[in-house]
Amino acid sequence: MHREVSRAAALAGKHVLVEKPLATSLEDCDAIIRAAEAAGVVLAVGENIPFRPAVREARRLLREIGEPRLFFGSALHTANGQNDFGVGILLDFSVHYIRAVRELYGEPDRIYASRASGRVSGSVEDNVTLLLSSKAGWQATLAFSWQASAGRVPEFIATGSRGAIKIWPDSASVDLYPLELSSWSRMAARIRPSWLRQRFESPELQRRRFKLPRNDRMGYQAELRAFLDAVERGRPDVSSALQARRDLEIAMAAHASLACWGPVDCRTESRLQVA
């Protein structure tokens, strides 16, 4: 319904904030974007990932871990197998995690999707794993499930040539794990017995924890402020929608990978200008 309602609002001269995903097809995304451009209104998508303090802090810390290597993301939940608009977890939820990869590592060039068995058959999936890769040399593994309750596990782990960053689901902190041992740990290399030495060499002793503000940990307030600021500036703006279209473009490539049981090219074909 996003296409019909968003176009009607734009044609009436109203600024539009659409929940993610922008639509369930690229054709509908383009129709919504064209309507907003023609009407000269602000079109934004309710994607909170760029506004989450944890993601912003991780971006700031990227220089500490060097060249991007591996990225891990997981969304493990329990649900009835599909949401209210009848699509699987791939289209419903993966756009959040695809955006996280793009925010922290950049644009992927290829995607491979694999599906495990679940409660729902047919085109609606509830257990999916994605492998995104880039010619720049990094890979991202994203796992989504509506059939898992795994307790507290990291939501995102970003690794690089000099360390790793860990983001927790509650976003209370961001943890940095440098690859190089501290001076204390290097001294501990002489400790005996070995089991005691290993405890001093534990990555948890090297960890640097960066606490985050208590308010707006999911970024919803910042997301709404950005939309209102764009409206207040009084200039047409569809940049948020173009980013959301790109997220959906990659998710649709994952669907194509599921269908063909093989990797799919997901280099951008949209109007989004990738730096």
Protein backbone atom coordinates (compact mmCIF):
# COMPACT_ATOMS: atom_id res chain seq x y z
CA MET A 1 0.00 0.00 0.00
CA HIS A 2 3.00 2.34 0.31
CA ARG A 3 2.96 3.28 -3.36
CA GLU A 4 -0.67 4.33 -3.48
CA VAL A 5 -0.73 6.23 -0.19
CA SER A 6 2.67 7.92 -0.59
CA ARG A 7 1.93 9.12 -4.13
CA ALA A 8 -1.45 10.49 -3.05
CA ALA A 9 0.14 12.37 -0.15
CA ALA A 10 2.92 13.81 -2.34
CA LEU A 11 0.47 14.89 -5.04
CA ALA A 12 -1.50 16.69 -2.31
CA GLY A 13 1.68 18.61 -1.45
CA LYS A 14 2.34 16.75 1.81
CA HIS A 15 5.76 15.75 3.04
CA VAL A 16 5.98 11.98 3.48
CA LEU A 17 7.65 9.69 6.01
CA VAL A 18 7.31 6.03 5.01
CA GLU A 19 8.11 3.04 7.20
CA LYS A 20 10.78 0.65 5.94
CA PRO A 21 10.94 -1.03 3.51
CA LEU A 22 9.96 1.78 1.15
CA ALA A 23 8.05 -0.76 -0.96
CA THR A 24 8.16 -4.41 -1.92
CA SER A 25 9.40 -3.79 -5.47
CA LEU A 26 11.85 -1.41 -7.12
CA GLU A 27 9.10 -0.34 -9.51
CA ASP A 28 6.98 0.87 -6.60
CA CYS A 29 10.02 2.62 -5.06
CA ASP A 30 10.61 4.53 -8.27
CA ALA A 31 6.95 5.54 -8.56
CA ILE A 32 6.99 6.93 -5.01
CA ILE A 33 10.27 8.80 -5.58
CA ARG A 34 9.09 10.28 -8.90
CA ALA A 35 5.87 11.51 -7.28
CA ALA A 36 7.81 13.23 -4.47
CA GLU A 37 10.24 14.82 -6.93
CA ALA A 38 7.40 16.06 -9.14
CA ALA A 39 5.56 17.52 -6.15
CA GLY A 40 8.71 19.07 -4.65
CA VAL A 41 8.20 17.54 -1.20
CA VAL A 42 10.39 15.76 1.32
CA LEU A 43 10.27 11.97 1.09
CA ALA A 44 11.96 10.10 3.95
CA VAL A 45 12.02 6.46 5.00
CA GLY A 46 11.79 5.25 8.59
CA GLU A 47 15.20 3.58 8.70
CA ASN A 48 16.80 4.11 12.11
CA ILE A 49 20.16 2.39 11.53
CA PRO A 50 22.06 5.56 10.43
CA PHE A 51 20.72 7.39 13.49
CA ARG A 52 21.52 4.80 16.15
CA PRO A 53 24.25 6.13 18.49
CA ALA A 54 25.96 2.71 18.47
CA VAL A 55 26.29 2.71 14.67
CA ARG A 56 27.55 6.28 14.67
CA GLU A 57 30.10 5.44 17.35
CA ALA A 58 31.20 2.36 15.40
CA ARG A 59 31.75 4.54 12.32
CA ARG A 60 33.95 6.82 14.41
CA LEU A 61 35.97 3.82 15.63
CA LEU A 62 36.49 2.24 12.21
CA ARG A 63 39.91 3.85 11.86
CA GLU A 64 40.98 1.93 14.98
CA ILE A 65 40.44 -1.49 13.36
CA GLY A 66 42.12 -0.79 10.00
CA GLU A 67 41.01 -2.21 6.67
CA PRO A 68 37.56 -3.87 6.75
CA ARG A 69 37.70 -7.66 6.72
CA LEU A 70 34.65 -9.52 8.05
CA PHE A 71 31.26 -8.26 9.22
CA PHE A 72 28.71 -10.34 11.13
CA GLY A 73 25.12 -9.43 11.86
CA SER A 74 22.32 -11.49 13.36
CA ALA A 75 18.63 -10.96 14.04
CA LEU A 76 17.29 -14.00 15.90
CA HIS A 77 13.67 -13.69 16.96
CA THR A 78 10.55 -15.74 17.42
CA ALA A 79 7.46 -14.95 15.35
CA ASN A 80 4.59 -16.61 13.55
CA GLY A 81 6.55 -17.00 10.32
CA GLN A 82 5.45 -13.82 8.55
CA ASN A 83 4.42 -10.28 9.30
CA ASP A 84 1.19 -8.42 8.70
CA PHE A 85 1.88 -7.77 5.02
CA GLY A 86 2.69 -11.34 4.12
CA VAL A 87 6.37 -11.24 3.19
CA GLY A 88 9.22 -13.18 4.75
CA ILE A 89 11.95 -12.00 7.06
CA LEU A 90 14.22 -11.21 4.10
CA LEU A 91 12.17 -8.28 2.78
CA ASP A 92 10.81 -7.31 6.17
CA PHE A 93 13.99 -7.20 8.23
CA SER A 94 17.12 -7.59 6.14
CA VAL A 95 17.05 -3.96 4.94
CA HIS A 96 18.09 -2.85 8.46
CA TYR A 97 21.17 -5.05 8.41
CA ILE A 98 22.02 -4.34 4.78
CA ARG A 99 22.02 -0.65 5.71
CA ALA A 100 24.36 -1.36 8.63
CA VAL A 101 26.83 -3.03 6.26
CA ARG A 102 26.62 -0.10 3.85
CA GLU A 103 27.02 2.46 6.64
CA LEU A 104 30.13 0.80 8.05
CA TYR A 105 31.81 -1.04 5.16
CA GLY A 106 30.41 0.39 1.91
CA GLU A 107 28.69 -1.06 -1.13
CA PRO A 108 28.69 -4.81 -1.81
CA ASP A 109 29.31 -6.17 -5.30
CA ARG A 110 27.92 -9.68 -4.94
CA ILE A 111 25.42 -11.50 -2.74
CA TYR A 112 24.68 -15.12 -2.03
CA ALA A 113 21.57 -16.15 -0.08
CA SER A 114 20.80 -19.47 1.55
CA ARG A 115 17.56 -20.53 3.18
CA ALA A 116 17.03 -23.07 5.95
CA SER A 117 13.77 -24.91 6.47
CA GLY A 118 11.13 -23.18 8.56
CA ARG A 119 7.50 -23.08 9.53
CA VAL A 120 6.38 -21.38 6.34
CA SER A 121 6.76 -22.91 2.88
CA GLY A 122 6.72 -21.29 -0.53
CA SER A 123 8.09 -17.81 -1.16
CA VAL A 124 7.82 -16.63 2.47
CA GLU A 125 11.01 -17.44 4.34
CA ASP A 126 11.77 -17.29 8.05
CA ASN A 127 15.41 -18.54 8.19
CA VAL A 128 17.86 -16.88 5.82
CA THR A 129 21.62 -16.27 5.71
CA LEU A 130 23.23 -13.73 3.39
CA LEU A 131 26.85 -13.48 2.31
CA LEU A 132 27.75 -10.09 0.83
CA SER A 133 31.17 -9.51 -0.68
CA SER A 134 33.05 -6.58 -2.12
CA LYS A 135 35.91 -6.24 -4.57
CA ALA A 136 37.51 -4.09 -1.86
CA GLY A 137 38.21 -7.34 -0.01
CA TRP A 138 35.59 -7.55 2.75
CA GLN A 139 32.72 -9.96 3.38
CA ALA A 140 29.57 -9.65 5.47
CA THR A 141 27.53 -12.54 6.85
CA LEU A 142 23.98 -11.73 7.95
CA ALA A 143 21.68 -14.28 9.58
CA PHE A 144 17.95 -13.77 10.12
CA SER A 145 15.46 -16.03 11.84
CA TRP A 146 11.91 -15.91 13.15
CA GLN A 147 12.46 -19.27 14.82
CA ALA A 148 15.26 -18.58 17.27
CA SER A 149 15.53 -17.27 20.79
CA ALA A 150 19.25 -17.22 21.51
CA GLY A 151 19.47 -14.82 24.40
CA ARG A 152 21.90 -11.94 24.47
CA VAL A 153 24.34 -12.11 21.57
CA PRO A 154 26.12 -9.28 19.71
CA GLU A 155 23.99 -7.69 17.02
CA PHE A 156 26.95 -6.60 14.88
CA ILE A 157 30.65 -7.50 14.82
CA ALA A 158 32.96 -5.61 12.48
CA THR A 159 36.49 -6.92 12.10
CA GLY A 160 39.46 -5.28 10.45
CA SER A 161 43.18 -5.66 9.93
CA ARG A 162 43.91 -4.19 13.39
CA GLY A 163 40.97 -5.23 15.55
CA ALA A 164 37.23 -5.64 15.92
CA ILE A 165 34.15 -3.70 17.01
CA LYS A 166 31.21 -5.30 18.78
CA ILE A 167 27.72 -3.75 19.00
CA TRP A 168 25.10 -5.12 21.40
CA PRO A 169 21.35 -5.18 20.70
CA ASP A 170 20.49 -2.82 23.56
CA SER A 171 23.09 -0.36 22.20
CA ALA A 172 24.27 0.59 25.69
CA SER A 173 27.88 0.43 24.58
CA VAL A 174 30.28 -0.27 21.75
CA ASP A 175 33.24 -2.53 22.44
CA LEU A 176 36.60 -2.21 20.70
CA TYR A 177 38.99 -5.18 20.64
CA PRO A 178 42.47 -4.23 19.38
CA LEU A 179 44.38 -7.00 17.65
CA GLU A 180 47.69 -5.96 19.18
CA LEU A 181 48.15 -7.06 22.77
CA SER A 182 48.60 -4.41 25.42
CA SER A 183 51.96 -4.01 27.18
CA TRP A 184 50.51 -5.75 30.23
CA SER A 185 49.42 -8.73 28.12
CA ARG A 186 52.84 -8.94 26.51
CA MET A 187 54.37 -9.11 29.96
CA ALA A 188 51.86 -11.82 30.87
CA ALA A 189 53.35 -14.02 28.14
CA ARG A 190 55.96 -15.08 30.70
CA ILE A 191 53.38 -16.19 33.25
CA ARG A 192 53.19 -19.85 34.15
CA PRO A 193 51.19 -22.12 34.23
CA SER A 194 49.74 -21.76 30.76
CA TRP A 195 46.09 -21.66 31.87
CA LEU A 196 46.81 -18.57 33.97
CA ARG A 197 48.70 -16.92 31.11
CA GLN A 198 45.77 -17.55 28.76
CA ARG A 199 43.44 -15.76 31.15
CA PHE A 200 45.64 -12.65 31.03
CA GLU A 201 45.79 -12.86 27.23
CA SER A 202 42.01 -13.02 26.92
CA PRO A 203 40.52 -10.53 24.43
CA GLU A 204 38.17 -9.33 27.17
CA LEU A 205 41.16 -7.89 29.04
CA GLN A 206 42.11 -5.91 25.92
CA ARG A 207 38.59 -4.58 25.40
CA ARG A 208 37.90 -0.86 25.42
CA ARG A 209 34.24 -0.10 26.14
CA PHE A 210 32.62 3.11 24.90
CA LYS A 211 29.45 3.97 26.77
CA LEU A 212 26.57 5.51 24.85
CA PRO A 213 23.94 8.08 25.92
CA ARG A 214 20.96 6.63 27.75
CA ASN A 215 18.37 8.38 25.64
CA ASP A 216 17.30 7.47 22.10
CA ARG A 217 19.46 4.37 21.83
CA MET A 218 17.46 3.12 18.83
CA GLY A 219 17.75 6.47 17.03
CA TYR A 220 14.02 7.02 16.51
CA GLN A 221 14.02 10.57 17.87
CA ALA A 222 17.04 11.53 15.73
CA GLU A 223 15.36 9.96 12.71
CA LEU A 224 12.22 12.06 13.20
CA ARG A 225 14.27 15.20 13.87
CA ALA A 226 16.10 14.70 10.56
CA PHE A 227 12.77 14.46 8.75
CA LEU A 228 11.38 17.59 10.45
CA ASP A 229 14.62 19.48 9.77
CA ALA A 230 14.34 18.59 6.07
CA VAL A 231 10.74 19.84 6.05
CA GLU A 232 11.77 23.05 7.81
CA ARG A 233 14.47 23.74 5.21
CA GLY A 234 11.66 23.86 2.66
CA ARG A 235 13.61 22.15 -0.13
CA PRO A 236 12.66 18.93 -1.96
CA ASP A 237 14.63 15.99 -0.60
CA VAL A 238 14.42 12.32 -1.61
CA SER A 239 17.92 11.29 -0.50
CA SER A 240 16.58 9.08 2.31
CA ALA A 241 14.32 7.27 -0.16
CA LEU A 242 17.18 6.68 -2.59
CA GLN A 243 19.19 5.05 0.20
CA ALA A 244 16.21 2.89 1.13
CA ARG A 245 15.74 1.92 -2.52
CA ARG A 246 19.33 0.72 -2.60
CA ASP A 247 18.75 -1.39 0.53
CA LEU A 248 15.74 -2.99 -1.15
CA GLU A 249 17.72 -3.47 -4.36
CA ILE A 250 20.22 -5.62 -2.46
CA ALA A 251 17.44 -7.50 -0.65
CA MET A 252 15.79 -8.24 -4.02
CA ALA A 253 19.14 -9.52 -5.31
CA ALA A 254 19.18 -11.86 -2.31
CA HIS A 255 15.74 -13.12 -3.34
CA ALA A 256 17.10 -13.76 -6.82
CA SER A 257 20.00 -15.67 -5.28
CA LEU A 258 17.57 -17.88 -3.35
CA ALA A 259 15.74 -18.62 -6.58
CA CYS A 260 18.84 -19.55 -8.59
CA TRP A 261 20.83 -21.20 -5.78
CA GLY A 262 23.87 -19.13 -6.62
CA PRO A 263 25.62 -15.75 -6.18
CA VAL A 264 24.06 -12.67 -7.79
CA ASP A 265 25.64 -9.38 -8.87
CA CYS A 266 24.26 -6.58 -6.67
CA ARG A 267 26.24 -3.60 -7.88
CA THR A 268 24.09 -0.51 -7.85
CA GLU A 269 21.79 0.10 -10.80
CA SER A 270 19.77 2.81 -9.08
CA ARG A 271 20.05 6.58 -9.26
CA LEU A 272 21.88 6.60 -5.96
CA GLN A 273 25.35 8.00 -6.50
CA VAL A 274 27.69 5.75 -4.55
CA ALA A 275 30.86 7.50 -3.39
